[in-house]
Amino acid sequence: MTDSTPEAAEPTTFREKAKDWAAKHPRTIRFAKAAVATVGMAVVVGVLAPRGTTEDEAEFAGHAEGTTGPKDVESAADSTEETEQRKSPDRHNVIPHKRRLKDGREIDVSGYERGGSSEDEDEDPGEAAA
């Protein structure tokens, strides 16, 4: 008979073989766990660290120690502000309602007109300022 067949002529399962092997090699199991944990941490650091670094460089350009002056780093938000301005919403009426403040008080908000821009052609200059 072979080693995989016990005396009762029943073949051993893979699970039993794995348990026996793990019991005989605990140091190898610990080494494998440590290796997997190390590789996992390296992947996490390798993926997340560059993202945070580039965001910090863009946000705090020139504030780091040892730099001679501010860097010419322009974020996407800054570049879009220069090229196009936010369009104001369409003119509409806001109905009266109640608003709850952070301290828990409720206040009444009266209805008002909102939206539109000062560039509307049908609007008088006096109305735009108001």
Protein backbone atom coordinates (compact mmCIF):
# COMPACT_ATOMS: atom_id res chain seq x y z
CA MET A 1 0.00 0.00 0.00
CA THR A 2 0.99 3.63 -0.46
CA ASP A 3 1.39 6.33 2.18
CA SER A 4 -1.87 8.02 1.17
CA THR A 5 -3.93 4.92 2.02
CA PRO A 6 -4.37 4.18 5.72
CA GLU A 7 -4.72 0.67 7.12
CA ALA A 8 -8.52 0.74 6.80
CA ALA A 9 -8.11 1.13 3.02
CA GLU A 10 -9.72 4.58 3.07
CA PRO A 11 -7.82 7.22 1.11
CA THR A 12 -6.83 10.29 3.14
CA THR A 13 -8.45 13.54 2.18
CA PHE A 14 -6.59 16.64 1.11
CA ARG A 15 -7.73 18.35 4.31
CA GLU A 16 -6.16 15.67 6.49
CA LYS A 17 -2.94 15.82 4.49
CA ALA A 18 -2.84 19.61 4.86
CA LYS A 19 -3.43 19.42 8.62
CA ASP A 20 -0.65 16.85 9.00
CA TRP A 21 1.74 18.93 6.91
CA ALA A 22 0.90 22.14 8.87
CA ALA A 23 1.45 20.31 12.17
CA LYS A 24 4.89 19.15 10.99
CA HIS A 25 5.95 22.56 9.60
CA PRO A 26 4.80 25.38 11.96
CA ARG A 27 7.87 27.52 11.23
CA THR A 28 7.14 27.43 7.50
CA ILE A 29 3.55 28.49 8.15
CA ARG A 30 4.69 31.45 10.25
CA PHE A 31 7.20 32.48 7.58
CA ALA A 32 4.51 32.31 4.89
CA LYS A 33 2.12 34.44 6.98
CA ALA A 34 4.82 37.02 7.59
CA ALA A 35 5.72 37.12 3.90
CA VAL A 36 2.10 37.60 2.85
CA ALA A 37 1.60 40.36 5.43
CA THR A 38 4.79 42.13 4.33
CA VAL A 39 3.86 42.00 0.65
CA GLY A 40 0.34 43.20 1.46
CA MET A 41 1.64 46.19 3.43
CA ALA A 42 4.12 47.02 0.67
CA VAL A 43 1.29 47.08 -1.87
CA VAL A 44 -0.84 49.31 0.36
CA VAL A 45 2.01 51.74 0.96
CA GLY A 46 3.01 51.69 -2.69
CA VAL A 47 -0.52 52.51 -3.85
CA LEU A 48 -1.64 55.00 -1.20
CA ALA A 49 1.56 56.93 -0.47
CA PRO A 50 2.03 58.45 -3.96
CA ARG A 51 -1.57 59.68 -3.99
CA GLY A 52 -1.20 61.55 -0.72
CA THR A 53 2.20 62.93 -1.67
CA THR A 54 1.08 64.49 -4.93
CA GLU A 55 -1.98 66.03 -3.28
CA ASP A 56 0.16 67.47 -0.49
CA GLU A 57 2.69 68.88 -2.94
CA ALA A 58 -0.01 70.62 -4.92
CA GLU A 59 -1.79 71.97 -1.86
CA PHE A 60 1.20 73.05 0.18
CA ALA A 61 3.63 74.02 -2.57
CA GLY A 62 6.41 76.20 -1.22
CA HIS A 63 5.56 75.62 2.44
CA ALA A 64 7.90 72.67 2.94
CA GLU A 65 11.18 73.20 4.72
CA GLY A 66 14.21 73.56 2.53
CA THR A 67 12.46 74.97 -0.51
CA THR A 68 13.71 78.21 -1.96
CA GLY A 69 10.30 79.50 -3.02
CA PRO A 70 6.81 78.50 -3.99
CA LYS A 71 6.50 75.98 -6.76
CA ASP A 72 4.45 76.75 -9.84
CA VAL A 73 1.88 74.04 -9.22
CA GLU A 74 -1.58 74.75 -10.51
CA SER A 75 -4.48 72.55 -9.53
CA ALA A 76 -7.30 71.62 -11.88
CA ALA A 77 -9.75 73.74 -9.86
CA ASP A 78 -7.60 76.86 -10.28
CA SER A 79 -7.27 76.39 -14.02
CA THR A 80 -11.02 75.97 -14.53
CA GLU A 81 -11.75 79.09 -12.46
CA GLU A 82 -9.73 81.20 -14.86
CA THR A 83 -11.27 79.83 -18.03
CA GLU A 84 -14.94 79.60 -17.12
CA GLN A 85 -17.01 80.95 -14.29
CA ARG A 86 -19.82 79.10 -12.59
CA LYS A 87 -23.17 79.80 -14.15
CA SER A 88 -25.83 80.98 -11.75
CA PRO A 89 -29.05 78.96 -11.58
CA ASP A 90 -32.20 79.96 -13.46
CA ARG A 91 -34.35 82.60 -11.82
CA HIS A 92 -36.93 81.00 -9.54
CA ASN A 93 -38.98 81.70 -6.42
CA VAL A 94 -38.12 80.11 -3.10
CA ILE A 95 -41.19 79.32 -1.01
CA PRO A 96 -41.35 80.35 2.66
CA HIS A 97 -40.08 77.61 4.97
CA LYS A 98 -38.59 76.86 8.39
CA ARG A 99 -34.88 76.24 8.88
CA ARG A 100 -33.31 74.51 11.88
CA LEU A 101 -30.04 76.03 13.10
CA LYS A 102 -27.15 74.08 14.61
CA ASP A 103 -28.15 75.04 18.12
CA GLY A 104 -31.64 73.54 17.56
CA ARG A 105 -33.64 76.73 17.07
CA GLU A 106 -36.09 76.92 14.19
CA ILE A 107 -36.38 80.15 12.24
CA ASP A 108 -38.85 81.24 9.58
CA VAL A 109 -37.41 82.02 6.16
CA SER A 110 -39.63 84.23 4.06
CA GLY A 111 -40.03 83.55 0.36
CA TYR A 112 -37.70 85.28 -2.06
CA GLU A 113 -36.58 85.25 -5.68
CA ARG A 114 -33.30 83.61 -6.48
CA GLY A 115 -31.04 82.84 -9.42
CA GLY A 116 -30.40 84.46 -12.76
CA SER A 117 -27.33 86.48 -13.53
CA SER A 118 -26.53 90.14 -13.93
CA GLU A 119 -25.86 89.46 -17.61
CA ASP A 120 -29.56 88.84 -18.37
CA GLU A 121 -30.60 90.97 -21.33
CA ASP A 122 -34.13 91.68 -20.07
CA GLU A 123 -32.90 92.98 -16.73
CA ASP A 124 -32.31 96.62 -15.80
CA PRO A 125 -28.92 97.49 -14.25
CA GLY A 126 -30.71 98.62 -11.08
CA GLU A 127 -32.32 95.22 -10.63
CA ALA A 128 -29.01 93.38 -10.99
CA ALA A 129 -27.50 95.30 -8.09
CA ALA A 130 -30.47 94.57 -5.82
